[in-house]
Structure formats: structure tokens, C-alpha cells
Amino acid sequence: MQNNTPVLVAQKNLWTENPVMIQVLGICSALAVTNTVINTLIMTCGVVFVTGFSSFTLSLMKKLIPRRVRMIVQTLIIAFYVILVDIFLRAFLPDISRSLGPYVGLIITNCIIMGRAEAFAQSNAPIISLWDGLLSGAGYMWVLLCISVIREVLGFGTILGFSIVPAGFVTWTIMLTPPSAFFLIGIMIWIVKSISMRKEKSK
């Protein structure tokens, strides 16, 4: 068992080992749902919920799960929480559920969730595993929200559907296409890596 404190877990997941910026995980959903802030916010909240509670559940059950079927059980538990998210969206946010389409169901394929289950929940206590899952999802969330803000402002001239650009602003059609998210992620990774390298050199 690793010596993980809540502060250290938060620091790793939000910055030094950020799942998107450092580990380059969850990129497919970043390309698909970051055209508007509201879609991104709902999608990433779902990922935070699933990552946190699947890690918590798997940590509780880790001594009961035979090693040879561990991956199958992990997938089933993750799928259970994804179904809960899907049901909630269909019941209370039907328009957003239709807008996100199949991407909510594809949360189950997000590498971050299985990665935290294997790398952390299998060897740590339930509460710290819950915290790790929530913060890992939050690390994923802030990156995608940054991308979605840029894409929505430049692509639609709005934030959460409200116009914020001056009259005559010409929207960038390219920002409505998935490749724009790919380039924005690349730029953000470059910036984060540069900051990290400068900090290491200063030490």
C-alpha cells in the first residue's frame, strides 16, 4: 500500500500526473464533446461520478474478487455506474442526453476509470480510493472545460448559450470540428510540459 495523503493525491491528479495532460488518456471524448461548455460539463461530471464511485466500490471488494476475473468484475461495476448516469440524464436532462448521444455509454471505455481502478483502488483503502477517483475525474474535467470554453467562444461566440462576443465577430468554423480539440490539447500539453521542465531546471 502506498503512502498517499489527500493533498498528494489531489496534486498528482490535478497537475503533476494529470490524466489528460501528462498521461494522455481520455482523448477520444475530448475530441467528441468539447464543442460546447454545457455538454462538456455534464459529460465530465459523469466521468467524475463513475471514476470516484467505481474506485470506491472496487476498493471495498478487492479482497473478494478472484484475480483471474478481476478485469471482468471491474468492467461490470464501471458499467453499473455508467448506466446510472445514463438513466439520470434521460430522466432529468433529456435534451442533453440526446445531444451527447452514445458518448455517455462510452464512458465505460474511458481509460482513466479502469486505470485508477488498477493503479490505485486495488492497493488502497476505500475512502482514499474514492478521493483519488473523484480528483482524477476532476483533473480530466478542468482540461476539457478549458478546451470547450475556447471552442464555444471561437466557434459559436457564446458561453453556455449566451453571446459574449462583440457585434461583427466572425466565428471560426474550424473550432466546431473535432480536429480543433486535438490541436488545443496538443498546445495545452506543450504548455504544461514546458512549465514542468522549467520548474525541474530551477530546482
C-alpha atoms as a PDB file:
ATOM      1  CA  MET A   1       0.000   0.000   0.000  1.00  0.00           C
ATOM      2  CA  GLN A   2       1.330   3.399  -0.998  1.00  0.00           C
ATOM      3  CA  ASN A   3       1.645   6.306   1.421  1.00  0.00           C
ATOM      4  CA  ASN A   4      -0.931   8.596  -0.209  1.00  0.00           C
ATOM      5  CA  THR A   5      -2.303  11.653   1.565  1.00  0.00           C
ATOM      6  CA  PRO A   6      -5.378  13.559   0.289  1.00  0.00           C
ATOM      7  CA  VAL A   7      -3.208  16.561  -0.611  1.00  0.00           C
ATOM      8  CA  LEU A   8      -0.679  14.449  -2.515  1.00  0.00           C
ATOM      9  CA  VAL A   9      -3.466  12.628  -4.376  1.00  0.00           C
ATOM     10  CA  ALA A  10      -5.038  15.966  -5.342  1.00  0.00           C
ATOM     11  CA  GLN A  11      -1.721  17.387  -6.529  1.00  0.00           C
ATOM     12  CA  LYS A  12      -0.984  14.342  -8.674  1.00  0.00           C
ATOM     13  CA  ASN A  13      -4.403  14.087 -10.300  1.00  0.00           C
ATOM     14  CA  LEU A  14      -4.927  17.778 -10.922  1.00  0.00           C
ATOM     15  CA  TRP A  15      -1.423  18.633 -12.135  1.00  0.00           C
ATOM     16  CA  THR A  16       1.732  16.525 -11.859  1.00  0.00           C
ATOM     17  CA  GLU A  17       0.127  13.305 -13.127  1.00  0.00           C
ATOM     18  CA  ASN A  18      -2.944  14.797 -14.798  1.00  0.00           C
ATOM     19  CA  PRO A  19      -4.695  12.037 -16.786  1.00  0.00           C
ATOM     20  CA  VAL A  20      -5.010  14.159 -19.939  1.00  0.00           C
ATOM     21  CA  MET A  21      -2.014  16.499 -19.818  1.00  0.00           C
ATOM     22  CA  ILE A  22       0.598  14.022 -18.559  1.00  0.00           C
ATOM     23  CA  GLN A  23      -0.785  10.527 -19.154  1.00  0.00           C
ATOM     24  CA  VAL A  24      -2.638  11.496 -22.373  1.00  0.00           C
ATOM     25  CA  LEU A  25      -5.761   9.475 -21.512  1.00  0.00           C
ATOM     26  CA  GLY A  26      -9.413  10.137 -22.379  1.00  0.00           C
ATOM     27  CA  ILE A  27      -8.523  11.937 -25.609  1.00  0.00           C
ATOM     28  CA  CYS A  28     -11.372  10.474 -27.714  1.00  0.00           C
ATOM     29  CA  SER A  29     -14.089  12.068 -25.578  1.00  0.00           C
ATOM     30  CA  ALA A  30     -12.149  15.328 -25.585  1.00  0.00           C
ATOM     31  CA  LEU A  31     -12.455  15.411 -29.367  1.00  0.00           C
ATOM     32  CA  ALA A  32     -16.142  14.480 -29.340  1.00  0.00           C
ATOM     33  CA  VAL A  33     -17.936  16.520 -26.671  1.00  0.00           C
ATOM     34  CA  THR A  34     -15.949  19.737 -26.159  1.00  0.00           C
ATOM     35  CA  ASN A  35     -17.746  21.827 -28.796  1.00  0.00           C
ATOM     36  CA  THR A  36     -19.955  23.377 -26.076  1.00  0.00           C
ATOM     37  CA  VAL A  37     -19.356  24.024 -22.382  1.00  0.00           C
ATOM     38  CA  ILE A  38     -22.664  22.541 -21.190  1.00  0.00           C
ATOM     39  CA  ASN A  39     -22.067  19.214 -22.975  1.00  0.00           C
ATOM     40  CA  THR A  40     -18.545  19.074 -21.589  1.00  0.00           C
ATOM     41  CA  LEU A  41     -19.663  19.926 -18.067  1.00  0.00           C
ATOM     42  CA  ILE A  42     -22.342  17.215 -17.996  1.00  0.00           C
ATOM     43  CA  MET A  43     -20.061  14.612 -19.588  1.00  0.00           C
ATOM     44  CA  THR A  44     -17.162  15.284 -17.237  1.00  0.00           C
ATOM     45  CA  CYS A  45     -19.442  15.306 -14.181  1.00  0.00           C
ATOM     46  CA  GLY A  46     -20.499  11.821 -15.260  1.00  0.00           C
ATOM     47  CA  VAL A  47     -16.871  10.752 -15.516  1.00  0.00           C
ATOM     48  CA  VAL A  48     -16.095  12.205 -12.051  1.00  0.00           C
ATOM     49  CA  PHE A  49     -19.027  10.285 -10.559  1.00  0.00           C
ATOM     50  CA  VAL A  50     -18.186   6.993 -12.284  1.00  0.00           C
ATOM     51  CA  THR A  51     -14.447   7.198 -11.568  1.00  0.00           C
ATOM     52  CA  GLY A  52     -14.951   8.060  -7.913  1.00  0.00           C
ATOM     53  CA  PHE A  53     -17.598   5.508  -7.029  1.00  0.00           C
ATOM     54  CA  SER A  54     -16.213   2.677  -9.144  1.00  0.00           C
ATOM     55  CA  SER A  55     -12.846   3.120  -7.402  1.00  0.00           C
ATOM     56  CA  PHE A  56     -14.595   3.187  -4.021  1.00  0.00           C
ATOM     57  CA  THR A  57     -16.602   0.034  -4.786  1.00  0.00           C
ATOM     58  CA  LEU A  58     -13.661  -1.882  -6.202  1.00  0.00           C
ATOM     59  CA  SER A  59     -11.515  -0.959  -3.206  1.00  0.00           C
ATOM     60  CA  LEU A  60     -14.224  -2.310  -0.899  1.00  0.00           C
ATOM     61  CA  MET A  61     -14.422  -5.549  -2.881  1.00  0.00           C
ATOM     62  CA  LYS A  62     -10.755  -6.063  -3.750  1.00  0.00           C
ATOM     63  CA  LYS A  63     -10.242  -8.946  -1.303  1.00  0.00           C
ATOM     64  CA  LEU A  64     -13.366 -10.718  -2.557  1.00  0.00           C
ATOM     65  CA  ILE A  65     -12.575 -10.612  -6.281  1.00  0.00           C
ATOM     66  CA  PRO A  66     -10.524 -13.546  -7.660  1.00  0.00           C
ATOM     67  CA  ARG A  67      -7.531 -12.300  -9.611  1.00  0.00           C
ATOM     68  CA  ARG A  68      -8.421 -14.194 -12.794  1.00  0.00           C
ATOM     69  CA  VAL A  69     -11.794 -12.414 -13.139  1.00  0.00           C
ATOM     70  CA  ARG A  70     -10.744  -9.024 -11.752  1.00  0.00           C
ATOM     71  CA  MET A  71     -10.940  -7.172 -15.081  1.00  0.00           C
ATOM     72  CA  ILE A  72     -14.401  -8.539 -15.826  1.00  0.00           C
ATOM     73  CA  VAL A  73     -15.709  -7.510 -12.412  1.00  0.00           C
ATOM     74  CA  GLN A  74     -14.159  -4.060 -12.791  1.00  0.00           C
ATOM     75  CA  THR A  75     -15.873  -3.615 -16.138  1.00  0.00           C
ATOM     76  CA  LEU A  76     -19.239  -4.702 -14.724  1.00  0.00           C
ATOM     77  CA  ILE A  77     -19.000  -2.288 -11.791  1.00  0.00           C
ATOM     78  CA  ILE A  78     -17.977   0.603 -14.045  1.00  0.00           C
ATOM     79  CA  ALA A  79     -20.841  -0.265 -16.411  1.00  0.00           C
ATOM     80  CA  PHE A  80     -23.288  -0.189 -13.480  1.00  0.00           C
ATOM     81  CA  TYR A  81     -22.355   3.394 -12.597  1.00  0.00           C
ATOM     82  CA  VAL A  82     -22.371   4.463 -16.258  1.00  0.00           C
ATOM     83  CA  ILE A  83     -25.921   3.105 -16.576  1.00  0.00           C
ATOM     84  CA  LEU A  84     -26.936   5.157 -13.517  1.00  0.00           C
ATOM     85  CA  VAL A  85     -25.564   8.295 -15.177  1.00  0.00           C
ATOM     86  CA  ASP A  86     -27.344   7.481 -18.435  1.00  0.00           C
ATOM     87  CA  ILE A  87     -30.672   6.883 -16.655  1.00  0.00           C
ATOM     88  CA  PHE A  88     -30.310  10.152 -14.723  1.00  0.00           C
ATOM     89  CA  LEU A  89     -29.652  12.155 -17.897  1.00  0.00           C
ATOM     90  CA  ARG A  90     -32.542  10.538 -19.775  1.00  0.00           C
ATOM     91  CA  ALA A  91     -34.908  11.276 -16.882  1.00  0.00           C
ATOM     92  CA  PHE A  92     -33.871  14.804 -15.893  1.00  0.00           C
ATOM     93  CA  LEU A  93     -31.833  16.230 -18.824  1.00  0.00           C
ATOM     94  CA  PRO A  94     -33.315  14.606 -21.948  1.00  0.00           C
ATOM     95  CA  ASP A  95     -32.113  17.306 -24.370  1.00  0.00           C
ATOM     96  CA  ILE A  96     -28.520  16.993 -23.208  1.00  0.00           C
ATOM     97  CA  SER A  97     -28.835  13.198 -23.213  1.00  0.00           C
ATOM     98  CA  ARG A  98     -29.860  13.327 -26.880  1.00  0.00           C
ATOM     99  CA  SER A  99     -27.090  15.820 -27.641  1.00  0.00           C
ATOM    100  CA  LEU A 100     -24.420  13.608 -26.109  1.00  0.00           C
ATOM    101  CA  GLY A 101     -25.861  10.563 -27.843  1.00  0.00           C
ATOM    102  CA  PRO A 102     -23.734   7.427 -27.493  1.00  0.00           C
ATOM    103  CA  TYR A 103     -20.862   9.197 -25.721  1.00  0.00           C
ATOM    104  CA  VAL A 104     -22.385   8.739 -22.261  1.00  0.00           C
ATOM    105  CA  GLY A 105     -22.386   4.969 -22.734  1.00  0.00           C
ATOM    106  CA  LEU A 106     -18.809   5.161 -23.953  1.00  0.00           C
ATOM    107  CA  ILE A 107     -17.683   6.468 -20.549  1.00  0.00           C
ATOM    108  CA  ILE A 108     -17.142   2.785 -19.768  1.00  0.00           C
ATOM    109  CA  THR A 109     -14.295   2.725 -22.307  1.00  0.00           C
ATOM    110  CA  ASN A 110     -12.543   5.724 -20.763  1.00  0.00           C
ATOM    111  CA  CYS A 111      -9.011   4.568 -19.898  1.00  0.00           C
ATOM    112  CA  ILE A 112      -8.875   6.857 -16.859  1.00  0.00           C
ATOM    113  CA  ILE A 113     -11.549   4.895 -14.980  1.00  0.00           C
ATOM    114  CA  MET A 114     -10.003   1.463 -15.438  1.00  0.00           C
ATOM    115  CA  GLY A 115      -6.564   2.939 -14.892  1.00  0.00           C
ATOM    116  CA  ARG A 116      -7.450   4.324 -11.455  1.00  0.00           C
ATOM    117  CA  ALA A 117      -9.129   1.049 -10.518  1.00  0.00           C
ATOM    118  CA  GLU A 118      -5.981  -0.906 -11.364  1.00  0.00           C
ATOM    119  CA  ALA A 119      -3.321   1.579 -10.273  1.00  0.00           C
ATOM    120  CA  PHE A 120      -4.903   2.873  -7.081  1.00  0.00           C
ATOM    121  CA  ALA A 121      -8.102   1.223  -5.844  1.00  0.00           C
ATOM    122  CA  GLN A 122      -6.581  -2.272  -5.885  1.00  0.00           C
ATOM    123  CA  SER A 123      -3.958  -1.295  -3.323  1.00  0.00           C
ATOM    124  CA  ASN A 124      -5.564   1.430  -1.200  1.00  0.00           C
ATOM    125  CA  ALA A 125      -8.397   1.920   1.295  1.00  0.00           C
ATOM    126  CA  PRO A 126     -11.932   2.763   0.077  1.00  0.00           C
ATOM    127  CA  ILE A 127     -12.108   6.402   1.227  1.00  0.00           C
ATOM    128  CA  ILE A 128      -8.777   7.471  -0.267  1.00  0.00           C
ATOM    129  CA  SER A 129      -9.696   5.498  -3.411  1.00  0.00           C
ATOM    130  CA  LEU A 130     -12.942   7.468  -3.634  1.00  0.00           C
ATOM    131  CA  TRP A 131     -10.961  10.686  -3.256  1.00  0.00           C
ATOM    132  CA  ASP A 132      -8.461   9.577  -5.895  1.00  0.00           C
ATOM    133  CA  GLY A 133     -11.242   8.700  -8.332  1.00  0.00           C
ATOM    134  CA  LEU A 134     -13.050  11.999  -7.812  1.00  0.00           C
ATOM    135  CA  LEU A 135      -9.850  14.026  -8.197  1.00  0.00           C
ATOM    136  CA  SER A 136      -8.744  12.042 -11.244  1.00  0.00           C
ATOM    137  CA  GLY A 137     -12.095  12.865 -12.814  1.00  0.00           C
ATOM    138  CA  ALA A 138     -11.676  16.499 -11.763  1.00  0.00           C
ATOM    139  CA  GLY A 139      -8.266  16.599 -13.445  1.00  0.00           C
ATOM    140  CA  TYR A 140      -9.918  15.342 -16.614  1.00  0.00           C
ATOM    141  CA  MET A 141     -12.760  17.851 -16.154  1.00  0.00           C
ATOM    142  CA  TRP A 142     -10.719  21.040 -15.920  1.00  0.00           C
ATOM    143  CA  VAL A 143      -8.735  20.266 -19.061  1.00  0.00           C
ATOM    144  CA  LEU A 144     -11.837  19.527 -21.129  1.00  0.00           C
ATOM    145  CA  LEU A 145     -13.628  22.605 -19.780  1.00  0.00           C
ATOM    146  CA  CYS A 146     -10.714  24.808 -20.848  1.00  0.00           C
ATOM    147  CA  ILE A 147     -10.894  23.338 -24.337  1.00  0.00           C
ATOM    148  CA  SER A 148     -14.684  23.679 -24.514  1.00  0.00           C
ATOM    149  CA  VAL A 149     -14.584  27.349 -23.459  1.00  0.00           C
ATOM    150  CA  ILE A 150     -12.141  28.170 -26.256  1.00  0.00           C
ATOM    151  CA  ARG A 151     -14.105  26.147 -28.835  1.00  0.00           C
ATOM    152  CA  GLU A 152     -17.510  27.554 -27.910  1.00  0.00           C
ATOM    153  CA  VAL A 153     -16.310  31.172 -27.773  1.00  0.00           C
ATOM    154  CA  LEU A 154     -14.490  31.000 -31.089  1.00  0.00           C
ATOM    155  CA  GLY A 155     -16.900  28.584 -32.791  1.00  0.00           C
ATOM    156  CA  PHE A 156     -20.261  29.985 -31.643  1.00  0.00           C
ATOM    157  CA  GLY A 157     -19.388  33.277 -29.975  1.00  0.00           C
ATOM    158  CA  THR A 158     -21.160  32.139 -26.811  1.00  0.00           C
ATOM    159  CA  ILE A 159     -20.647  30.686 -23.336  1.00  0.00           C
ATOM    160  CA  LEU A 160     -23.407  28.386 -22.095  1.00  0.00           C
ATOM    161  CA  GLY A 161     -25.524  29.679 -24.959  1.00  0.00           C
ATOM    162  CA  PHE A 162     -25.136  33.391 -24.049  1.00  0.00           C
ATOM    163  CA  SER A 163     -23.448  35.626 -26.591  1.00  0.00           C
ATOM    164  CA  ILE A 164     -20.284  37.255 -25.228  1.00  0.00           C
ATOM    165  CA  VAL A 165     -18.539  38.496 -28.382  1.00  0.00           C
ATOM    166  CA  PRO A 166     -18.863  41.968 -29.921  1.00  0.00           C
ATOM    167  CA  ALA A 167     -21.119  42.617 -32.894  1.00  0.00           C
ATOM    168  CA  GLY A 168     -19.484  41.686 -36.157  1.00  0.00           C
ATOM    169  CA  PHE A 169     -17.337  38.932 -34.657  1.00  0.00           C
ATOM    170  CA  VAL A 170     -16.727  36.236 -37.255  1.00  0.00           C
ATOM    171  CA  THR A 171     -16.904  32.757 -35.750  1.00  0.00           C
ATOM    172  CA  TRP A 172     -14.251  30.184 -36.566  1.00  0.00           C
ATOM    173  CA  THR A 173     -15.913  27.254 -38.282  1.00  0.00           C
ATOM    174  CA  ILE A 174     -12.852  25.085 -37.699  1.00  0.00           C
ATOM    175  CA  MET A 175     -13.491  25.265 -33.943  1.00  0.00           C
ATOM    176  CA  LEU A 176     -16.683  23.259 -34.433  1.00  0.00           C
ATOM    177  CA  THR A 177     -14.757  20.290 -35.821  1.00  0.00           C
ATOM    178  CA  PRO A 178     -13.052  17.557 -33.712  1.00  0.00           C
ATOM    179  CA  PRO A 179      -9.530  18.287 -35.080  1.00  0.00           C
ATOM    180  CA  SER A 180      -9.598  21.684 -33.340  1.00  0.00           C
ATOM    181  CA  ALA A 181      -9.813  19.897 -29.973  1.00  0.00           C
ATOM    182  CA  PHE A 182      -6.839  17.758 -30.965  1.00  0.00           C
ATOM    183  CA  PHE A 183      -4.704  20.825 -31.684  1.00  0.00           C
ATOM    184  CA  LEU A 184      -5.844  22.596 -28.492  1.00  0.00           C
ATOM    185  CA  ILE A 185      -4.920  19.554 -26.395  1.00  0.00           C
ATOM    186  CA  GLY A 186      -1.526  19.457 -28.080  1.00  0.00           C
ATOM    187  CA  ILE A 187      -0.928  23.123 -27.259  1.00  0.00           C
ATOM    188  CA  MET A 188      -2.013  22.627 -23.636  1.00  0.00           C
ATOM    189  CA  ILE A 189       0.263  19.594 -23.235  1.00  0.00           C
ATOM    190  CA  TRP A 190       3.157  21.617 -24.653  1.00  0.00           C
ATOM    191  CA  ILE A 191       2.481  24.469 -22.186  1.00  0.00           C
ATOM    192  CA  VAL A 192       2.185  22.136 -19.184  1.00  0.00           C
ATOM    193  CA  LYS A 193       5.331  20.221 -20.153  1.00  0.00           C
ATOM    194  CA  SER A 194       7.250  23.479 -20.590  1.00  0.00           C
ATOM    195  CA  ILE A 195       6.182  24.713 -17.141  1.00  0.00           C
ATOM    196  CA  SER A 196       7.130  21.380 -15.557  1.00  0.00           C
ATOM    197  CA  MET A 197      10.549  21.363 -17.238  1.00  0.00           C
ATOM    198  CA  ARG A 198      11.271  24.910 -16.107  1.00  0.00           C
ATOM    199  CA  LYS A 199      10.381  24.004 -12.522  1.00  0.00           C
ATOM    200  CA  GLU A 200      12.670  20.973 -12.655  1.00  0.00           C
ATOM    201  CA  LYS A 201      15.552  23.056 -14.026  1.00  0.00           C
ATOM    202  CA  SER A 202      15.049  25.725 -11.362  1.00  0.00           C
ATOM    203  CA  LYS A 203      15.397  23.081  -8.668  1.00  0.00           C
END
